[in-house]
Protein backbone atom coordinates (compact mmCIF):
# COMPACT_ATOMS: atom_id res chain seq x y z
CA UNK A 1 16.57 -30.71 51.76
CA UNK A 2 13.30 -29.29 50.38
CA UNK A 3 11.77 -26.26 52.08
CA UNK A 4 9.03 -27.02 54.56
CA UNK A 5 5.79 -25.07 54.63
CA UNK A 6 4.48 -23.56 57.83
CA UNK A 7 0.70 -23.50 58.02
CA UNK A 8 -1.05 -21.13 60.42
CA UNK A 9 -4.69 -21.45 61.32
CA UNK A 10 -5.81 -18.20 62.92
CA UNK A 11 -9.33 -17.78 64.28
CA UNK A 12 -10.94 -14.61 65.59
CA UNK A 13 -13.34 -15.46 68.42
CA UNK A 14 -14.24 -11.84 69.13
CA UNK A 15 -17.28 -9.98 67.82
CA UNK A 16 -14.97 -7.45 66.10
CA UNK A 17 -12.44 -7.50 63.32
CA UNK A 18 -8.98 -7.97 64.84
CA UNK A 19 -5.57 -6.90 63.59
CA UNK A 20 -2.72 -9.14 64.67
CA UNK A 21 1.05 -9.17 64.55
CA UNK A 22 2.10 -12.59 63.26
CA UNK A 23 5.86 -12.05 63.45
CA UNK A 24 5.83 -10.46 66.90
CA UNK A 25 8.21 -11.16 69.72
CA UNK A 26 9.58 -9.52 72.83
CA UNK A 27 10.50 -6.42 70.83
CA UNK A 28 6.93 -6.12 69.49
CA UNK A 29 4.80 -3.62 71.46
CA UNK A 30 1.73 -5.60 70.38
CA UNK A 31 2.93 -8.70 72.26
CA UNK A 32 0.60 -7.73 75.11
CA UNK A 33 -2.44 -8.56 73.01
CA UNK A 34 -1.50 -12.13 72.12
CA UNK A 35 -4.01 -14.57 73.65
CA UNK A 36 -5.34 -11.86 75.96
CA UNK A 37 -8.89 -12.24 77.24
CA UNK A 38 -9.51 -8.92 78.99
CA UNK A 39 -11.32 -6.47 76.70
CA UNK A 40 -11.17 -2.69 76.96
CA UNK A 41 -13.73 -0.78 74.91
CA UNK A 42 -14.22 2.96 74.47
CA UNK A 43 -16.95 4.70 72.45
CA UNK A 44 -15.37 7.73 70.76
CA UNK A 45 -18.31 8.46 68.46
CA UNK A 46 -19.46 11.61 70.28
CA UNK A 47 -16.17 13.49 70.30
CA UNK A 48 -15.90 16.68 68.27
CA UNK A 49 -12.59 16.07 66.52
CA UNK A 50 -12.43 19.66 65.24
CA UNK A 51 -12.17 20.87 68.84
CA UNK A 52 -10.11 17.96 70.20
CA UNK A 53 -6.34 18.14 70.13
CA UNK A 54 -5.04 15.88 72.92
CA UNK A 55 -5.85 12.57 74.57
CA UNK A 56 -4.90 10.92 77.83
CA UNK A 57 -5.30 7.27 78.82
CA UNK A 58 -4.83 5.79 82.28
CA UNK A 59 -2.85 2.55 82.34
CA UNK A 60 -1.04 0.33 84.82
CA UNK A 61 0.50 -3.12 84.95
CA UNK A 62 -2.03 -5.69 86.10
CA UNK A 63 -1.97 -5.70 89.91
CA UNK A 64 -0.17 -2.34 90.25
CA UNK A 65 -1.51 0.06 92.86
CA UNK A 66 -1.93 3.18 90.77
CA UNK A 67 -2.42 4.33 87.20
CA UNK A 68 0.07 6.19 85.04
CA UNK A 69 -0.96 8.51 82.22
CA UNK A 70 -0.10 8.18 78.54
CA UNK A 71 -0.92 11.20 76.38
CA UNK A 72 -0.66 12.35 72.80
CA UNK A 73 -2.16 14.34 69.98
CA UNK A 74 -5.49 13.36 68.40
CA UNK A 75 -4.35 14.59 65.00
CA UNK A 76 -7.86 15.99 64.53
CA UNK A 77 -9.57 12.73 63.55
CA UNK A 78 -10.16 9.17 64.81
CA UNK A 79 -7.64 7.56 62.44
CA UNK A 80 -4.76 9.82 63.52
CA UNK A 81 -5.79 9.30 67.16
CA UNK A 82 -5.63 5.53 66.65
CA UNK A 83 -2.18 5.79 65.08
CA UNK A 84 -0.92 7.86 68.03
CA UNK A 85 -2.47 5.43 70.52
CA UNK A 86 -0.84 2.45 68.80
CA UNK A 87 2.53 4.21 68.80
CA UNK A 88 2.31 4.50 72.61
CA UNK A 89 3.58 0.89 72.99
CA UNK A 90 0.66 -0.10 75.20
CA UNK A 91 -0.57 -2.73 72.77
CA UNK A 92 -2.61 -2.88 69.60
CA UNK A 93 -5.84 -0.87 69.56
CA UNK A 94 -8.46 -1.31 66.86
CA UNK A 95 -11.18 0.98 65.47
CA UNK A 96 -14.70 -0.04 64.50
CA UNK A 97 -17.36 2.37 63.20
CA UNK A 98 -20.67 0.79 64.20
CA UNK A 99 -22.98 3.54 62.89
CA UNK A 100 -23.12 7.34 62.54
CA UNK A 101 -23.06 7.82 66.33
CA UNK A 102 -21.00 4.90 67.62
CA UNK A 103 -17.28 4.49 66.91
CA UNK A 104 -15.35 2.07 69.08
CA UNK A 105 -11.70 1.87 70.07
CA UNK A 106 -10.97 -1.54 71.58
CA UNK A 107 -8.16 -3.78 72.64
CA UNK A 108 -7.59 -7.07 74.44
CA UNK A 109 -4.80 -6.91 77.00
CA UNK A 110 -3.90 -9.01 80.06
CA UNK A 111 -0.60 -7.20 80.71
CA UNK A 112 -1.97 -3.68 81.26
CA UNK A 113 -5.17 -2.46 82.88
CA UNK A 114 -6.69 0.63 81.30
CA UNK A 115 -8.74 3.30 83.02
CA UNK A 116 -10.25 6.55 81.81
CA UNK A 117 -9.76 7.77 78.27
CA UNK A 118 -10.10 11.54 77.90
CA UNK A 119 -10.10 13.40 74.61
CA UNK A 120 -9.83 17.18 74.93
């Protein structure tokens, strides 16, 4: 029997570039982003990365009564911060540098609700 081709048509209907996990599944921490419509957006352009060493992010399951806190190291720059945030298993976060003053961290997630992001 000849091999069959699988054709995927993927469209990004957001105003930002989006990274996706095509081969995800229940073991994939980015599963929470698939087909999610709720956007969370944080401007991290004004942080002084030389003086910032830790971050905290409030999160909770949708409908839960109270937030929990996830924390980690900033690594001293936005890229290392993004890596640490994505290793937290809360979903896939993306980075977009808009201009010299505006840098965005964003995600789409209908499984978790996110609250305050603090970078210290």
